[in-house]
Amino acid sequence: MSKQKVLITGGAGFLGSHLCDRFIKEGFHVVAMDNLLTGDIANIEHLMGHPDFEFQHHDVSKYVHVSGDLKYILHFASPASPIDYLKMPIQTMKVGSLGTLNCLGLAKDKGARMLIASTSEVYGDPLVHPQKEDYWGNVNPVGPRGVYDEAKRFQEALTMAYHTFHGLETRIVRIFNTFGPRMRLDDGRVLPAFISQALRGEDLTAFGDGSQTRSFTYVDDLVEGIYRLLLSDYAQPVNIGNPQEITINEFAEEIIRLTGSSSKISYNPLPKDDPKQRKPDITLAKEVLNWEPKYTRAEGLEPTLEYFKKKVLG
C-alpha cells in the first residue's frame, strides 16, 4: 500500500470520527477501531466504502493487531462523559490501562508514533487557575470521577514510560471541553444537555448554583491542534483548549437566547468532585505548535445547533 496508515481507536466516537475525516483528507489510509460501547457507526457511515477507510469492530482492552505498516496510532477509545464512566467504571479503567498498553505494544512492534487522548480531568478540581501543564492536579482517586481521572493519569504515566524506556515516539494531548456536530444527545455533558433541553422547551438543568466555569473548544480547532502535536517533536503533555471561560449560568442563558427557547434554568445539587473552574493555559501550544483556537464559541455553536435540531426536531 502506497499510502501511510493510521489507526484511530474510538474512531466511531465524537472526536474519533472527526479525526478520521481529517486523516482521510490529509491522504492517509485510516483504520478506525471501536467496540461501539459509546461510539456510533452513524458517525463514520459517510466514510464506509471509501478506498482509504476501514472499520474494525474491536475492544482495544483485548489484544490489538493491525496488519502491515503503521505510521501513527491515535488512542481515543474511552467513555468520556460522567454519565458513561459512572455507568461503566471498570470498562473505563480497562481501556485507559490495558487498552493503552495494547496500543503502545502495537506502536513498539510497528515502529509507529503514538498520540494519546488525555484530558483536562487530570487536573481534577483544580486549585490552580488557569491550568498549566506543569500543574499536578487535585484528583480524588476513590471518588466517583476517579475511574476516568486516574485512568487518564495512568495512561499518561504508561505512555511516558514507553517513551523513556523503549524510546517510543509518543505525544500526549490534554483535551479541554470540546463541542461540535456528532456529540451524543444523552452523553450527560452540559452542552448537549442544554441544547436538547432548550430545543424541547424543557428547563435547563444546572448543577450547584451555576457559578462554576467551563471553557468550550470547537471540534475543528481541537483536531487542528491534535494534528500539529502529532507531527511535532514535542513529547510532553500539551493543553489543547479554548481559554474563553464562561460560567454555567451565562452559558445556559446563551443557549436559551440562541435557540429562542422559553426555557428557564433549574438547579440540582453539585455532583461530588465536580470541578468548580476549568480554563486552559495554552501558552505552550502557542509556542510549540503555533496553535490557538480560530473559532469563537458563537461560531462553533452555529453548526452544532443545526446538528442538534435535526436530531431533536427531525
Protein backbone atom coordinates (compact mmCIF):
# COMPACT_ATOMS: atom_id res chain seq x y z
CA MET A 1 0.00 0.00 0.00
CA SER A 2 1.48 3.36 -1.02
CA LYS A 3 -0.46 5.47 1.49
CA GLN A 4 0.68 5.74 5.09
CA LYS A 5 -1.65 4.01 7.54
CA VAL A 6 -3.04 5.47 10.76
CA LEU A 7 -5.00 3.64 13.46
CA ILE A 8 -7.62 5.70 15.32
CA THR A 9 -9.10 3.91 18.33
CA GLY A 10 -12.52 5.18 19.36
CA GLY A 11 -12.89 6.03 15.67
CA ALA A 12 -16.71 5.92 15.75
CA GLY A 13 -16.87 8.38 18.64
CA PHE A 14 -17.41 12.14 18.52
CA LEU A 15 -13.74 13.14 18.40
CA GLY A 16 -12.50 9.95 16.74
CA SER A 17 -14.82 10.34 13.75
CA HIS A 18 -13.68 13.93 13.14
CA LEU A 19 -10.07 12.70 13.27
CA CYS A 20 -10.92 10.02 10.69
CA ASP A 21 -12.22 12.78 8.39
CA ARG A 22 -9.06 14.85 8.87
CA PHE A 23 -6.64 12.00 8.18
CA ILE A 24 -8.56 10.88 5.08
CA LYS A 25 -8.37 14.49 3.88
CA GLU A 26 -4.61 14.53 4.57
CA GLY A 27 -4.13 11.49 2.33
CA PHE A 28 -3.74 8.69 4.89
CA HIS A 29 -5.27 5.23 4.91
CA VAL A 30 -7.40 5.21 8.08
CA VAL A 31 -8.21 2.21 10.25
CA ALA A 32 -10.96 3.12 12.72
CA MET A 33 -11.30 0.75 15.68
CA ASP A 34 -14.26 0.89 18.07
CA ASN A 35 -16.29 -1.51 20.21
CA LEU A 36 -19.33 0.82 19.84
CA LEU A 37 -19.87 0.94 23.59
CA THR A 38 -20.29 4.71 23.39
CA GLY A 39 -19.35 5.25 19.72
CA ASP A 40 -21.93 5.33 16.93
CA ILE A 41 -21.49 3.80 13.49
CA ALA A 42 -23.57 6.70 12.11
CA ASN A 43 -20.61 9.00 12.81
CA ILE A 44 -18.47 7.22 10.21
CA GLU A 45 -21.20 5.96 7.86
CA HIS A 46 -20.21 8.57 5.27
CA LEU A 47 -16.71 7.01 5.13
CA MET A 48 -17.87 3.42 4.60
CA GLY A 49 -16.83 2.25 1.14
CA HIS A 50 -14.09 4.88 0.87
CA PRO A 51 -10.97 3.16 -0.52
CA ASP A 52 -8.79 4.68 2.23
CA PHE A 53 -11.04 3.78 5.14
CA GLU A 54 -11.66 0.57 7.05
CA PHE A 55 -13.54 -0.13 10.25
CA GLN A 56 -12.70 -2.79 12.84
CA HIS A 57 -15.29 -3.60 15.49
CA HIS A 58 -12.96 -4.40 18.37
CA ASP A 59 -12.35 -3.72 22.06
CA VAL A 60 -8.81 -2.36 22.49
CA SER A 61 -8.59 -3.64 26.06
CA LYS A 62 -8.15 -7.02 24.33
CA TYR A 63 -5.16 -7.80 22.08
CA VAL A 64 -4.86 -5.27 19.24
CA HIS A 65 -3.47 -6.11 15.81
CA VAL A 66 -3.33 -4.18 12.54
CA SER A 67 -1.70 -5.81 9.55
CA GLY A 68 1.02 -4.18 7.50
CA ASP A 69 2.97 -1.00 8.13
CA LEU A 70 1.58 1.57 10.53
CA LYS A 71 2.73 5.19 10.70
CA TYR A 72 0.63 6.59 13.56
CA ILE A 73 -1.71 5.44 16.34
CA LEU A 74 -4.17 7.86 17.93
CA HIS A 75 -5.67 6.33 21.06
CA PHE A 76 -9.08 7.94 21.60
CA ALA A 77 -11.06 4.94 22.82
CA SER A 78 -12.76 5.61 26.17
CA PRO A 79 -16.08 6.57 27.66
CA ALA A 80 -15.61 10.32 28.05
CA SER A 81 -18.57 11.77 29.91
CA PRO A 82 -19.60 11.31 33.56
CA ILE A 83 -22.85 9.56 32.66
CA ASP A 84 -20.83 6.93 30.75
CA TYR A 85 -17.93 6.32 33.10
CA LEU A 86 -20.17 6.25 36.17
CA LYS A 87 -22.20 3.54 34.42
CA MET A 88 -19.12 1.70 33.09
CA PRO A 89 -16.35 2.31 35.63
CA ILE A 90 -14.42 -0.91 35.05
CA GLN A 91 -14.51 -0.67 31.24
CA THR A 92 -13.29 2.94 31.58
CA MET A 93 -10.30 1.87 33.65
CA LYS A 94 -9.55 -1.08 31.37
CA VAL A 95 -9.49 0.98 28.18
CA GLY A 96 -7.20 3.54 29.86
CA SER A 97 -4.84 0.89 31.20
CA LEU A 98 -4.98 -2.34 29.18
CA GLY A 99 -6.13 -0.53 26.04
CA THR A 100 -3.23 1.90 26.26
CA LEU A 101 -0.79 -0.95 26.98
CA ASN A 102 -2.03 -2.88 23.92
CA CYS A 103 -1.74 0.18 21.68
CA LEU A 104 1.74 1.02 22.97
CA GLY A 105 2.80 -2.58 22.34
CA LEU A 106 1.49 -2.33 18.78
CA ALA A 107 3.27 1.00 18.28
CA LYS A 108 6.54 -0.52 19.53
CA ASP A 109 6.13 -3.53 17.23
CA LYS A 110 5.37 -1.38 14.17
CA GLY A 111 7.73 1.48 14.94
CA ALA A 112 4.73 3.81 14.89
CA ARG A 113 4.36 7.17 16.63
CA MET A 114 1.51 7.14 19.16
CA LEU A 115 -0.62 10.02 20.43
CA ILE A 116 -2.89 9.53 23.44
CA ALA A 117 -6.02 11.48 24.25
CA SER A 118 -5.59 12.68 27.79
CA THR A 119 -7.88 15.23 29.38
CA SER A 120 -8.20 18.35 31.50
CA GLU A 121 -9.69 15.95 34.08
CA VAL A 122 -6.12 15.04 35.08
CA TYR A 123 -6.19 18.40 36.89
CA GLY A 124 -9.25 17.28 38.88
CA ASP A 125 -10.99 20.08 40.80
CA PRO A 126 -8.08 22.47 40.26
CA LEU A 127 -6.55 24.68 42.94
CA VAL A 128 -4.53 26.50 40.24
CA HIS A 129 -6.25 28.67 37.62
CA PRO A 130 -5.86 28.66 34.67
CA GLN A 131 -4.37 25.17 34.41
CA LYS A 132 -0.83 24.81 33.06
CA GLU A 133 0.79 21.53 32.02
CA ASP A 134 3.17 21.60 34.99
CA TYR A 135 0.25 21.55 37.48
CA TRP A 136 -0.07 18.06 39.01
CA GLY A 137 -3.76 18.35 39.76
CA ASN A 138 -6.21 17.84 42.59
CA VAL A 139 -7.85 14.46 41.96
CA ASN A 140 -9.81 12.26 44.36
CA PRO A 141 -8.66 8.73 43.36
CA VAL A 142 -11.55 6.98 45.15
CA GLY A 143 -14.32 9.43 44.23
CA PRO A 144 -16.92 8.64 41.55
CA ARG A 145 -14.94 10.53 38.87
CA GLY A 146 -11.68 8.81 39.88
CA VAL A 147 -12.18 5.94 37.42
CA TYR A 148 -11.82 8.35 34.49
CA ASP A 149 -9.35 10.81 36.01
CA GLU A 150 -6.97 8.12 37.26
CA ALA A 151 -7.28 6.03 34.08
CA LYS A 152 -6.09 9.06 32.13
CA ARG A 153 -3.31 9.88 34.60
CA PHE A 154 -2.11 6.26 34.45
CA GLN A 155 -2.34 6.40 30.65
CA GLU A 156 0.00 9.41 30.63
CA ALA A 157 2.47 7.71 33.00
CA LEU A 158 2.47 4.48 30.97
CA THR A 159 2.96 6.36 27.71
CA MET A 160 5.86 8.34 29.14
CA ALA A 161 7.42 5.11 30.47
CA TYR A 162 7.36 3.63 26.94
CA HIS A 163 8.85 6.87 25.63
CA THR A 164 11.73 6.96 28.12
CA PHE A 165 12.42 3.20 28.45
CA HIS A 166 11.79 1.99 24.88
CA GLY A 167 12.48 5.24 23.03
CA LEU A 168 8.98 5.10 21.52
CA GLU A 169 7.81 8.27 19.81
CA THR A 170 4.80 9.41 21.85
CA ARG A 171 2.61 12.51 22.12
CA ILE A 172 0.14 13.48 24.88
CA VAL A 173 -2.75 15.89 24.32
CA ARG A 174 -4.77 17.16 27.29
CA ILE A 175 -8.19 17.95 25.85
CA PHE A 176 -10.46 20.57 27.40
CA ASN A 177 -14.26 20.64 26.91
CA THR A 178 -14.90 20.20 23.18
CA PHE A 179 -18.15 20.51 21.25
CA GLY A 180 -19.49 20.18 17.72
CA PRO A 181 -21.63 18.00 15.46
CA ARG A 182 -21.80 14.26 16.33
CA MET A 183 -21.95 14.75 20.08
CA ARG A 184 -24.44 12.36 21.66
CA LEU A 185 -27.66 13.94 22.89
CA ASP A 186 -27.67 11.78 26.01
CA ASP A 187 -23.99 11.88 26.94
CA GLY A 188 -24.73 13.95 30.06
CA ARG A 189 -22.33 16.78 29.31
CA VAL A 190 -23.54 20.32 29.73
CA LEU A 191 -23.63 21.44 26.09
CA PRO A 192 -25.72 18.61 24.58
CA ALA A 193 -27.90 18.62 27.70
CA PHE A 194 -28.60 22.36 27.50
CA ILE A 195 -29.19 22.43 23.73
CA SER A 196 -31.53 19.42 23.70
CA GLN A 197 -33.46 20.74 26.73
CA ALA A 198 -33.80 24.19 25.14
CA LEU A 199 -35.00 22.74 21.82
CA ARG A 200 -37.63 20.69 23.66
CA GLY A 201 -38.72 23.68 25.76
CA GLU A 202 -37.64 21.99 28.99
CA ASP A 203 -35.87 23.62 31.93
CA LEU A 204 -32.08 23.73 31.53
CA THR A 205 -30.62 21.69 34.38
CA ALA A 206 -27.62 23.36 36.00
CA PHE A 207 -25.71 21.86 38.92
CA GLY A 208 -24.79 23.74 42.07
CA ASP A 209 -25.52 27.46 41.77
CA GLY A 210 -24.27 27.62 38.16
CA SER A 211 -21.27 29.78 39.08
CA GLN A 212 -18.73 27.09 38.08
CA THR A 213 -16.87 27.79 34.84
CA ARG A 214 -16.02 25.87 31.69
CA SER A 215 -14.07 26.69 28.52
CA PHE A 216 -15.50 25.27 25.30
CA THR A 217 -13.42 24.40 22.21
CA TYR A 218 -14.93 23.85 18.78
CA VAL A 219 -14.03 20.42 17.41
CA ASP A 220 -12.26 21.71 14.26
CA ASP A 221 -9.87 23.71 16.44
CA LEU A 222 -9.15 20.66 18.58
CA VAL A 223 -8.48 18.44 15.55
CA GLU A 224 -6.06 21.03 14.16
CA GLY A 225 -4.20 21.15 17.49
CA ILE A 226 -4.01 17.35 17.68
CA TYR A 227 -2.72 17.11 14.11
CA ARG A 228 0.00 19.68 14.79
CA LEU A 229 1.01 17.98 18.02
CA LEU A 230 1.25 14.58 16.32
CA LEU A 231 3.62 15.97 13.68
CA SER A 232 5.67 17.98 16.20
CA ASP A 233 8.80 16.88 18.06
CA TYR A 234 7.29 17.58 21.49
CA ALA A 235 6.77 14.56 23.80
CA GLN A 236 5.49 16.21 26.99
CA PRO A 237 1.75 16.86 27.61
CA VAL A 238 0.16 19.82 25.82
CA ASN A 239 -3.14 21.53 26.66
CA ILE A 240 -5.45 22.00 23.69
CA GLY A 241 -8.48 24.10 24.57
CA ASN A 242 -10.12 27.49 24.25
CA PRO A 243 -9.32 29.84 27.14
CA GLN A 244 -12.59 31.76 26.62
CA GLU A 245 -14.12 30.99 30.04
CA ILE A 246 -17.83 31.23 30.85
CA THR A 247 -20.00 30.38 33.87
CA ILE A 248 -22.62 27.68 33.51
CA ASN A 249 -25.36 30.26 34.19
CA GLU A 250 -24.05 32.52 31.40
CA PHE A 251 -23.80 29.54 29.08
CA ALA A 252 -27.40 28.48 29.84
CA GLU A 253 -28.63 32.00 29.04
CA GLU A 254 -26.60 31.96 25.82
CA ILE A 255 -28.21 28.69 24.70
CA ILE A 256 -31.71 29.93 25.57
CA ARG A 257 -31.08 33.07 23.52
CA LEU A 258 -29.60 31.16 20.54
CA THR A 259 -32.45 28.65 20.38
CA GLY A 260 -35.18 31.23 21.01
CA SER A 261 -36.47 28.94 23.73
CA SER A 262 -38.77 29.93 26.60
CA SER A 263 -36.89 27.54 28.89
CA LYS A 264 -35.87 28.55 32.40
CA ILE A 265 -32.84 27.38 34.42
CA SER A 266 -33.38 24.88 37.23
CA TYR A 267 -30.75 23.77 39.74
CA ASN A 268 -29.70 20.38 41.07
CA PRO A 269 -27.07 19.58 43.73
CA LEU A 270 -23.47 19.73 42.53
CA PRO A 271 -22.09 16.20 41.92
CA LYS A 272 -19.19 15.07 44.11
CA ASP A 273 -15.76 16.32 42.96
CA ASP A 274 -17.26 18.33 40.09
CA PRO A 275 -14.62 20.91 39.02
CA LYS A 276 -15.51 24.47 40.08
CA GLN A 277 -13.41 26.07 37.37
CA ARG A 278 -11.79 24.96 34.15
CA LYS A 279 -9.67 27.06 31.82
CA PRO A 280 -6.58 26.01 29.84
CA ASP A 281 -3.33 27.91 29.79
CA ILE A 282 -2.37 27.46 26.11
CA THR A 283 0.98 29.27 26.21
CA LEU A 284 2.78 26.01 25.42
CA ALA A 285 0.54 25.16 22.44
CA LYS A 286 1.18 28.64 21.02
CA GLU A 287 4.95 28.32 21.45
CA VAL A 288 5.47 24.70 20.41
CA LEU A 289 2.69 24.18 17.84
CA ASN A 290 1.95 27.75 16.73
CA TRP A 291 -1.65 26.85 17.57
CA GLU A 292 -4.52 28.76 19.08
CA PRO A 293 -8.26 28.44 18.53
CA LYS A 294 -9.68 30.13 15.43
CA TYR A 295 -13.37 29.69 16.18
CA THR A 296 -15.30 31.63 18.78
CA ARG A 297 -17.88 29.76 20.82
CA ALA A 298 -20.65 31.51 18.84
CA GLU A 299 -19.13 30.42 15.50
CA GLY A 300 -18.88 26.82 16.68
CA LEU A 301 -22.37 26.78 18.16
CA GLU A 302 -23.96 27.59 14.80
CA PRO A 303 -23.24 24.24 13.04
CA THR A 304 -23.60 22.40 16.37
CA LEU A 305 -27.09 23.78 16.87
CA GLU A 306 -28.08 22.78 13.32
CA TYR A 307 -26.90 19.23 14.01
CA PHE A 308 -28.89 19.04 17.25
CA LYS A 309 -32.01 20.49 15.62
CA LYS A 310 -32.01 17.61 13.13
CA LYS A 311 -31.51 15.10 15.97
CA VAL A 312 -34.13 16.57 18.33
CA LEU A 313 -36.71 18.04 15.99
CA GLY A 314 -36.19 15.74 13.00
